[in-house]
């Protein structure tokens, strides 16, 4: 059996809100389900390195029991794209960008909600909005991640 971890990469625009929220919440869900062979990371198609991880995102994640967060926005690199087993995007334009920029990743890149089997809706960017909006977005992300964990467990 291969001991290399499966790598899941979450993508949004700036790697400031949605993809890191998905990354940190997925880590918690994987730990809660004792799924130790999966690693998660996040990146952006146009990372905003100068922006801090929003306090609203921290507070929304804290409600889910995720408190130890250290994050700096980073771009999706060729190495990340090639080493990822699954790339999940928040919006269709992210999906299109990844598939155009990294054609070899086309068959492993999906819209998060679509891959989770929920719908083909995009997860909107909460940046600069209220805590209530961040909580709403995190709820949408969590719904998709719970479905993703279920898919992983069924595949085991």
N, C-alpha and C. Protein backbone atom coordinates (compact mmCIF):
# COMPACT_ATOMS: atom_id res chain seq x y z
N UNK A 1 0.84 -1.19 0.00
CA UNK A 1 0.00 0.00 0.00
C UNK A 1 0.88 1.24 0.00
N UNK A 2 0.50 2.23 -0.76
CA UNK A 2 1.25 3.47 -0.89
C UNK A 2 1.11 4.29 0.40
N UNK A 3 2.22 4.73 0.96
CA UNK A 3 2.16 5.48 2.21
C UNK A 3 2.17 6.99 1.99
N UNK A 4 2.32 7.42 0.75
CA UNK A 4 2.28 8.85 0.47
C UNK A 4 0.88 9.38 0.74
N UNK A 5 0.80 10.57 1.32
CA UNK A 5 -0.53 11.12 1.61
C UNK A 5 -1.25 11.56 0.33
N UNK A 6 -2.55 11.55 0.42
CA UNK A 6 -3.39 12.13 -0.63
C UNK A 6 -3.45 13.62 -0.33
N UNK A 7 -3.23 14.44 -1.34
CA UNK A 7 -3.21 15.89 -1.14
C UNK A 7 -4.42 16.53 -1.82
N UNK A 8 -5.20 17.26 -1.03
CA UNK A 8 -6.34 18.02 -1.53
C UNK A 8 -5.99 19.50 -1.42
N UNK A 9 -6.19 20.23 -2.51
CA UNK A 9 -5.90 21.66 -2.54
C UNK A 9 -7.18 22.44 -2.81
N UNK A 10 -7.45 23.42 -1.95
CA UNK A 10 -8.61 24.30 -2.11
C UNK A 10 -8.14 25.61 -2.74
N UNK A 11 -8.93 26.11 -3.70
CA UNK A 11 -8.56 27.31 -4.45
C UNK A 11 -9.66 28.36 -4.38
N UNK A 12 -9.25 29.60 -4.15
CA UNK A 12 -10.15 30.74 -4.31
C UNK A 12 -9.35 31.85 -4.99
N UNK A 13 -9.83 33.06 -4.92
CA UNK A 13 -9.16 34.15 -5.63
C UNK A 13 -7.87 34.56 -4.92
N UNK A 14 -8.00 35.10 -3.72
CA UNK A 14 -6.85 35.68 -3.04
C UNK A 14 -6.18 34.79 -2.01
N UNK A 15 -6.73 33.59 -1.77
CA UNK A 15 -6.26 32.71 -0.71
C UNK A 15 -6.25 33.46 0.62
N UNK A 16 -7.31 34.27 0.79
CA UNK A 16 -7.44 35.07 1.99
C UNK A 16 -8.58 34.59 2.88
N UNK A 17 -9.70 34.13 2.29
CA UNK A 17 -10.87 33.76 3.08
C UNK A 17 -11.34 32.33 2.83
N UNK A 18 -11.95 32.11 1.67
CA UNK A 18 -12.65 30.84 1.43
C UNK A 18 -11.74 29.63 1.41
N UNK A 19 -10.68 29.66 0.61
CA UNK A 19 -9.85 28.45 0.54
C UNK A 19 -9.13 28.16 1.86
N UNK A 20 -8.62 29.16 2.59
CA UNK A 20 -8.04 28.81 3.89
C UNK A 20 -9.10 28.35 4.90
N UNK A 21 -10.31 28.92 4.84
CA UNK A 21 -11.36 28.43 5.74
C UNK A 21 -11.64 26.96 5.44
N UNK A 22 -11.71 26.61 4.14
CA UNK A 22 -11.93 25.21 3.76
C UNK A 22 -10.76 24.35 4.22
N UNK A 23 -9.54 24.85 4.05
CA UNK A 23 -8.34 24.11 4.46
C UNK A 23 -8.37 23.79 5.95
N UNK A 24 -8.58 24.80 6.77
CA UNK A 24 -8.53 24.60 8.22
C UNK A 24 -9.70 23.77 8.74
N UNK A 25 -10.89 23.98 8.19
CA UNK A 25 -12.03 23.19 8.62
C UNK A 25 -11.88 21.73 8.16
N UNK A 26 -11.36 21.53 6.95
CA UNK A 26 -11.17 20.16 6.47
C UNK A 26 -10.15 19.43 7.33
N UNK A 27 -9.10 20.11 7.75
CA UNK A 27 -8.12 19.48 8.65
C UNK A 27 -8.80 18.97 9.91
N UNK A 28 -9.68 19.80 10.47
CA UNK A 28 -10.39 19.40 11.68
C UNK A 28 -11.30 18.21 11.42
N UNK A 29 -12.04 18.26 10.33
CA UNK A 29 -12.95 17.16 10.01
C UNK A 29 -12.19 15.85 9.78
N UNK A 30 -11.07 15.93 9.09
CA UNK A 30 -10.25 14.75 8.86
C UNK A 30 -9.72 14.18 10.18
N UNK A 31 -9.27 15.07 11.06
CA UNK A 31 -8.78 14.63 12.38
C UNK A 31 -9.91 14.00 13.19
N UNK A 32 -11.09 14.63 13.15
CA UNK A 32 -12.24 14.11 13.89
C UNK A 32 -12.62 12.70 13.42
N UNK A 33 -12.38 12.41 12.14
CA UNK A 33 -12.73 11.10 11.58
C UNK A 33 -11.52 10.17 11.47
N UNK A 34 -10.40 10.58 12.06
CA UNK A 34 -9.17 9.77 12.08
C UNK A 34 -8.70 9.40 10.67
N UNK A 35 -8.86 10.34 9.74
CA UNK A 35 -8.40 10.14 8.37
C UNK A 35 -7.03 10.79 8.25
N UNK A 36 -6.01 10.00 8.49
CA UNK A 36 -4.66 10.54 8.62
C UNK A 36 -3.82 10.47 7.34
N UNK A 37 -4.36 9.89 6.30
CA UNK A 37 -3.58 9.76 5.06
C UNK A 37 -3.87 10.87 4.07
N UNK A 38 -4.56 11.90 4.53
CA UNK A 38 -4.93 13.01 3.65
C UNK A 38 -4.36 14.31 4.20
N UNK A 39 -3.72 15.06 3.31
CA UNK A 39 -3.22 16.39 3.65
C UNK A 39 -4.02 17.41 2.86
N UNK A 40 -4.20 18.58 3.45
CA UNK A 40 -4.91 19.65 2.75
C UNK A 40 -4.07 20.91 2.75
N UNK A 41 -4.27 21.68 1.70
CA UNK A 41 -3.59 22.96 1.55
C UNK A 41 -4.52 23.89 0.78
N UNK A 42 -4.14 25.14 0.69
CA UNK A 42 -4.95 26.09 -0.07
C UNK A 42 -4.04 27.06 -0.79
N UNK A 43 -4.59 27.66 -1.83
CA UNK A 43 -3.85 28.64 -2.63
C UNK A 43 -4.85 29.52 -3.36
N UNK A 44 -4.32 30.56 -3.97
CA UNK A 44 -5.17 31.47 -4.72
C UNK A 44 -4.71 31.63 -6.15
N UNK A 45 -5.63 32.07 -7.00
CA UNK A 45 -5.26 32.33 -8.39
C UNK A 45 -4.66 33.73 -8.53
N UNK A 46 -4.95 34.59 -7.57
CA UNK A 46 -4.37 35.93 -7.52
C UNK A 46 -4.20 36.29 -6.05
N UNK A 47 -3.23 35.65 -5.38
CA UNK A 47 -3.12 35.79 -3.93
C UNK A 47 -2.83 37.22 -3.48
N UNK A 48 -3.43 37.54 -2.37
CA UNK A 48 -3.28 38.87 -1.78
C UNK A 48 -2.37 38.76 -0.57
N UNK A 49 -1.08 38.66 -0.81
CA UNK A 49 -0.10 38.41 0.25
C UNK A 49 -0.10 39.51 1.31
N UNK A 50 -0.50 40.71 0.93
CA UNK A 50 -0.47 41.82 1.88
C UNK A 50 -1.67 41.81 2.83
N UNK A 51 -2.67 40.98 2.54
CA UNK A 51 -3.87 40.95 3.38
C UNK A 51 -3.74 39.92 4.48
N UNK A 52 -4.21 40.29 5.65
CA UNK A 52 -4.24 39.39 6.81
C UNK A 52 -5.43 38.45 6.68
N UNK A 53 -5.35 37.30 7.34
CA UNK A 53 -6.49 36.41 7.43
C UNK A 53 -7.55 37.16 8.24
N UNK A 54 -8.75 37.36 7.69
CA UNK A 54 -9.76 38.22 8.34
C UNK A 54 -10.19 37.71 9.72
N UNK A 55 -10.39 38.64 10.62
CA UNK A 55 -10.86 38.31 11.96
C UNK A 55 -12.21 37.61 11.91
N UNK A 56 -13.06 38.03 10.96
CA UNK A 56 -14.38 37.40 10.81
C UNK A 56 -14.24 35.91 10.46
N UNK A 57 -13.24 35.59 9.65
CA UNK A 57 -12.99 34.19 9.29
C UNK A 57 -12.52 33.42 10.52
N UNK A 58 -11.64 34.04 11.31
CA UNK A 58 -11.17 33.39 12.55
C UNK A 58 -12.33 33.11 13.50
N UNK A 59 -13.21 34.09 13.65
CA UNK A 59 -14.36 33.92 14.56
C UNK A 59 -15.33 32.85 14.05
N UNK A 60 -15.57 32.84 12.76
CA UNK A 60 -16.46 31.82 12.19
C UNK A 60 -15.87 30.43 12.39
N UNK A 61 -14.57 30.28 12.16
CA UNK A 61 -13.90 28.99 12.35
C UNK A 61 -13.87 28.59 13.83
N UNK A 62 -13.73 29.58 14.72
CA UNK A 62 -13.71 29.28 16.16
C UNK A 62 -15.02 28.63 16.59
N UNK A 63 -16.12 29.06 15.97
CA UNK A 63 -17.43 28.44 16.27
C UNK A 63 -17.45 26.96 15.89
N UNK A 64 -16.56 26.56 14.99
CA UNK A 64 -16.46 25.16 14.56
C UNK A 64 -15.36 24.42 15.32
N UNK A 65 -14.74 25.10 16.29
CA UNK A 65 -13.69 24.47 17.08
C UNK A 65 -12.31 24.56 16.46
N UNK A 66 -12.17 25.40 15.44
CA UNK A 66 -10.87 25.59 14.79
C UNK A 66 -10.29 26.89 15.34
N UNK A 67 -9.20 26.77 16.11
CA UNK A 67 -8.67 27.98 16.74
C UNK A 67 -7.21 28.27 16.41
N UNK A 68 -6.42 27.28 16.19
CA UNK A 68 -4.99 27.50 15.92
C UNK A 68 -4.78 27.74 14.43
N UNK A 69 -4.81 29.01 14.05
CA UNK A 69 -4.73 29.35 12.62
C UNK A 69 -3.53 30.25 12.36
N UNK A 70 -2.66 29.77 11.51
CA UNK A 70 -1.56 30.59 10.99
C UNK A 70 -1.66 30.49 9.49
N UNK A 71 -1.85 31.63 8.84
CA UNK A 71 -2.05 31.60 7.40
C UNK A 71 -1.45 32.82 6.72
N UNK A 72 -0.81 32.57 5.59
CA UNK A 72 -0.32 33.63 4.70
C UNK A 72 -0.72 33.22 3.30
N UNK A 73 -1.33 34.15 2.57
CA UNK A 73 -1.81 33.86 1.22
C UNK A 73 -0.65 33.45 0.31
N UNK A 74 -0.94 32.46 -0.55
CA UNK A 74 0.08 32.00 -1.50
C UNK A 74 -0.58 31.62 -2.82
N UNK A 75 0.20 31.67 -3.90
CA UNK A 75 -0.35 31.32 -5.21
C UNK A 75 -0.33 29.81 -5.43
N UNK A 76 -1.19 29.36 -6.33
CA UNK A 76 -1.12 27.98 -6.78
C UNK A 76 0.09 27.86 -7.71
N UNK A 77 1.01 27.00 -7.34
CA UNK A 77 2.23 26.80 -8.13
C UNK A 77 2.12 25.53 -8.95
N UNK A 78 3.02 25.38 -9.89
CA UNK A 78 3.07 24.16 -10.68
C UNK A 78 3.31 22.95 -9.79
N UNK A 79 4.21 23.08 -8.81
CA UNK A 79 4.48 21.97 -7.89
C UNK A 79 3.23 21.58 -7.10
N UNK A 80 2.49 22.58 -6.62
CA UNK A 80 1.26 22.29 -5.88
C UNK A 80 0.24 21.60 -6.76
N UNK A 81 0.07 22.11 -7.97
CA UNK A 81 -0.92 21.54 -8.89
C UNK A 81 -0.56 20.10 -9.25
N UNK A 82 0.72 19.87 -9.51
CA UNK A 82 1.12 18.52 -9.93
C UNK A 82 1.10 17.52 -8.77
N UNK A 83 1.39 17.96 -7.55
CA UNK A 83 1.41 17.04 -6.41
C UNK A 83 0.02 16.81 -5.81
N UNK A 84 -0.94 17.66 -6.16
CA UNK A 84 -2.30 17.49 -5.64
C UNK A 84 -3.00 16.33 -6.32
N UNK A 85 -3.74 15.58 -5.54
CA UNK A 85 -4.56 14.50 -6.08
C UNK A 85 -5.94 15.02 -6.46
N UNK A 86 -6.35 16.12 -5.79
CA UNK A 86 -7.66 16.71 -6.00
C UNK A 86 -7.54 18.21 -5.77
N UNK A 87 -8.06 18.99 -6.71
CA UNK A 87 -8.06 20.45 -6.60
C UNK A 87 -9.52 20.89 -6.64
N UNK A 88 -9.94 21.59 -5.60
CA UNK A 88 -11.33 22.00 -5.47
C UNK A 88 -11.42 23.52 -5.41
N UNK A 89 -12.23 24.09 -6.31
CA UNK A 89 -12.33 25.54 -6.43
C UNK A 89 -13.65 26.06 -5.87
N UNK A 90 -13.64 27.33 -5.52
CA UNK A 90 -14.84 27.95 -4.97
C UNK A 90 -15.77 28.50 -6.05
N UNK A 91 -15.20 28.89 -7.19
CA UNK A 91 -15.99 29.46 -8.27
C UNK A 91 -15.59 28.82 -9.60
N UNK A 92 -16.50 28.89 -10.56
CA UNK A 92 -16.25 28.34 -11.89
C UNK A 92 -15.05 29.03 -12.53
N UNK A 93 -14.90 30.33 -12.33
CA UNK A 93 -13.76 31.03 -12.95
C UNK A 93 -12.42 30.53 -12.39
N UNK A 94 -12.40 30.09 -11.14
CA UNK A 94 -11.19 29.50 -10.56
C UNK A 94 -10.91 28.16 -11.25
N UNK A 95 -11.95 27.38 -11.44
CA UNK A 95 -11.84 26.09 -12.13
C UNK A 95 -11.26 26.30 -13.53
N UNK A 96 -11.85 27.24 -14.26
CA UNK A 96 -11.38 27.53 -15.62
C UNK A 96 -9.92 27.97 -15.63
N UNK A 97 -9.56 28.83 -14.66
CA UNK A 97 -8.19 29.34 -14.59
C UNK A 97 -7.20 28.20 -14.32
N UNK A 98 -7.52 27.35 -13.36
CA UNK A 98 -6.62 26.24 -13.02
C UNK A 98 -6.46 25.32 -14.22
N UNK A 99 -7.57 24.99 -14.88
CA UNK A 99 -7.50 24.06 -16.00
C UNK A 99 -6.75 24.66 -17.20
N UNK A 100 -6.85 25.96 -17.37
CA UNK A 100 -6.12 26.61 -18.46
C UNK A 100 -4.63 26.73 -18.12
N UNK A 101 -4.34 27.13 -16.90
CA UNK A 101 -2.94 27.36 -16.48
C UNK A 101 -2.18 26.06 -16.27
N UNK A 102 -2.88 25.03 -15.79
CA UNK A 102 -2.28 23.73 -15.49
C UNK A 102 -3.09 22.63 -16.19
N UNK A 103 -2.95 22.51 -17.52
CA UNK A 103 -3.78 21.55 -18.26
C UNK A 103 -3.66 20.11 -17.76
N UNK A 104 -2.51 19.76 -17.21
CA UNK A 104 -2.33 18.40 -16.68
C UNK A 104 -3.19 18.15 -15.44
N UNK A 105 -3.70 19.20 -14.84
CA UNK A 105 -4.54 19.07 -13.65
C UNK A 105 -6.03 19.04 -13.98
N UNK A 106 -6.35 19.10 -15.25
CA UNK A 106 -7.76 19.22 -15.66
C UNK A 106 -8.64 18.11 -15.10
N UNK A 107 -8.14 16.88 -15.13
CA UNK A 107 -8.96 15.74 -14.72
C UNK A 107 -9.08 15.59 -13.20
N UNK A 108 -8.39 16.42 -12.46
CA UNK A 108 -8.48 16.33 -10.99
C UNK A 108 -8.94 17.64 -10.36
N UNK A 109 -9.49 18.54 -11.19
CA UNK A 109 -9.94 19.85 -10.71
C UNK A 109 -11.44 19.98 -10.88
N UNK A 110 -12.10 20.37 -9.79
CA UNK A 110 -13.56 20.45 -9.77
C UNK A 110 -14.02 21.66 -8.96
N UNK A 111 -15.25 22.07 -9.22
CA UNK A 111 -15.92 23.04 -8.37
C UNK A 111 -16.27 22.29 -7.08
N UNK A 112 -15.94 22.84 -5.93
CA UNK A 112 -16.12 22.16 -4.65
C UNK A 112 -17.54 21.62 -4.47
N UNK A 113 -18.53 22.47 -4.69
CA UNK A 113 -19.91 22.05 -4.45
C UNK A 113 -20.33 20.96 -5.42
N UNK A 114 -19.84 21.02 -6.63
CA UNK A 114 -20.16 20.00 -7.63
C UNK A 114 -19.53 18.67 -7.24
N UNK A 115 -18.27 18.68 -6.87
CA UNK A 115 -17.58 17.45 -6.48
C UNK A 115 -18.23 16.82 -5.26
N UNK A 116 -18.70 17.66 -4.35
CA UNK A 116 -19.34 17.17 -3.13
C UNK A 116 -20.73 16.58 -3.42
N UNK A 117 -21.23 16.80 -4.64
CA UNK A 117 -22.52 16.26 -5.01
C UNK A 117 -23.70 17.11 -4.55
N UNK A 118 -23.44 18.36 -4.25
CA UNK A 118 -24.49 19.23 -3.76
C UNK A 118 -25.23 19.94 -4.89
N UNK A 119 -24.49 20.66 -5.69
CA UNK A 119 -25.05 21.44 -6.78
C UNK A 119 -23.88 22.03 -7.54
N UNK A 120 -24.15 22.90 -8.43
CA UNK A 120 -23.06 23.54 -9.16
C UNK A 120 -22.97 25.03 -8.77
N UNK A 121 -23.43 25.35 -7.57
CA UNK A 121 -23.38 26.74 -7.11
C UNK A 121 -21.96 27.11 -6.71
N UNK A 122 -21.66 28.36 -6.87
CA UNK A 122 -20.36 28.88 -6.45
C UNK A 122 -20.46 29.32 -4.99
N UNK A 123 -19.32 29.33 -4.33
CA UNK A 123 -19.26 29.84 -2.97
C UNK A 123 -18.72 31.26 -3.06
N UNK A 124 -19.56 32.20 -2.70
CA UNK A 124 -19.26 33.62 -2.87
C UNK A 124 -18.15 34.09 -1.93
N UNK A 125 -17.48 35.14 -2.35
CA UNK A 125 -16.38 35.72 -1.59
C UNK A 125 -16.95 36.61 -0.48
N UNK A 126 -16.63 36.30 0.79
CA UNK A 126 -17.13 37.13 1.89
C UNK A 126 -16.23 38.30 2.26
N UNK A 127 -15.08 38.44 1.57
CA UNK A 127 -14.08 39.42 2.00
C UNK A 127 -14.69 40.80 2.20
N UNK A 128 -14.40 41.40 3.36
CA UNK A 128 -14.86 42.75 3.66
C UNK A 128 -16.29 42.82 4.14
N UNK A 129 -16.94 41.68 4.30
CA UNK A 129 -18.33 41.67 4.73
C UNK A 129 -18.44 41.33 6.22
N UNK A 130 -19.66 41.19 6.68
CA UNK A 130 -19.94 41.00 8.10
C UNK A 130 -19.60 39.59 8.58
N UNK A 131 -19.51 39.44 9.89
CA UNK A 131 -19.31 38.14 10.50
C UNK A 131 -20.43 37.19 10.10
N UNK A 132 -21.65 37.69 10.04
CA UNK A 132 -22.79 36.85 9.64
C UNK A 132 -22.58 36.29 8.23
N UNK A 133 -22.02 37.08 7.34
CA UNK A 133 -21.75 36.61 5.98
C UNK A 133 -20.67 35.54 6.00
N UNK A 134 -19.62 35.75 6.77
CA UNK A 134 -18.56 34.74 6.89
C UNK A 134 -19.13 33.43 7.44
N UNK A 135 -20.00 33.52 8.43
CA UNK A 135 -20.61 32.31 9.00
C UNK A 135 -21.47 31.60 7.95
N UNK A 136 -22.20 32.37 7.16
CA UNK A 136 -23.03 31.79 6.10
C UNK A 136 -22.16 31.07 5.08
N UNK A 137 -21.07 31.70 4.66
CA UNK A 137 -20.16 31.10 3.68
C UNK A 137 -19.50 29.86 4.28
N UNK A 138 -19.09 29.94 5.54
CA UNK A 138 -18.47 28.77 6.18
C UNK A 138 -19.47 27.62 6.29
N UNK A 139 -20.72 27.91 6.52
CA UNK A 139 -21.75 26.87 6.55
C UNK A 139 -21.85 26.17 5.20
N UNK A 140 -21.79 26.94 4.11
CA UNK A 140 -21.82 26.35 2.77
C UNK A 140 -20.58 25.49 2.54
N UNK A 141 -19.43 25.99 2.94
CA UNK A 141 -18.19 25.24 2.79
C UNK A 141 -18.27 23.96 3.61
N UNK A 142 -18.73 24.06 4.85
CA UNK A 142 -18.81 22.89 5.72
C UNK A 142 -19.73 21.83 5.14
N UNK A 143 -20.85 22.23 4.60
CA UNK A 143 -21.77 21.28 3.99
C UNK A 143 -21.05 20.48 2.90
N UNK A 144 -20.28 21.16 2.06
CA UNK A 144 -19.53 20.48 1.00
C UNK A 144 -18.44 19.58 1.59
N UNK A 145 -17.75 20.07 2.62
CA UNK A 145 -16.67 19.28 3.21
C UNK A 145 -17.18 18.02 3.90
N UNK A 146 -18.32 18.11 4.55
CA UNK A 146 -18.92 16.93 5.18
C UNK A 146 -19.22 15.88 4.12
N UNK A 147 -19.75 16.30 2.99
CA UNK A 147 -20.00 15.37 1.88
C UNK A 147 -18.70 14.80 1.35
N UNK A 148 -17.67 15.62 1.29
CA UNK A 148 -16.36 15.17 0.83
C UNK A 148 -15.77 14.11 1.77
N UNK A 149 -15.88 14.34 3.06
CA UNK A 149 -15.40 13.35 4.05
C UNK A 149 -16.17 12.05 3.89
N UNK A 150 -17.46 12.14 3.67
CA UNK A 150 -18.27 10.93 3.47
C UNK A 150 -17.80 10.16 2.24
N UNK A 151 -17.49 10.89 1.16
CA UNK A 151 -16.98 10.24 -0.06
C UNK A 151 -15.64 9.54 0.23
N UNK A 152 -14.80 10.20 0.99
CA UNK A 152 -13.50 9.63 1.34
C UNK A 152 -13.67 8.35 2.15
N UNK A 153 -14.58 8.40 3.12
CA UNK A 153 -14.81 7.23 3.97
C UNK A 153 -15.37 6.06 3.17
N UNK A 154 -16.24 6.33 2.22
CA UNK A 154 -16.81 5.27 1.38
C UNK A 154 -15.74 4.66 0.48
N UNK A 155 -14.77 5.47 0.07
CA UNK A 155 -13.69 4.98 -0.82
C UNK A 155 -12.69 4.11 -0.08
N UNK A 156 -12.61 4.29 1.26
CA UNK A 156 -11.63 3.52 2.06
C UNK A 156 -11.93 2.06 2.13
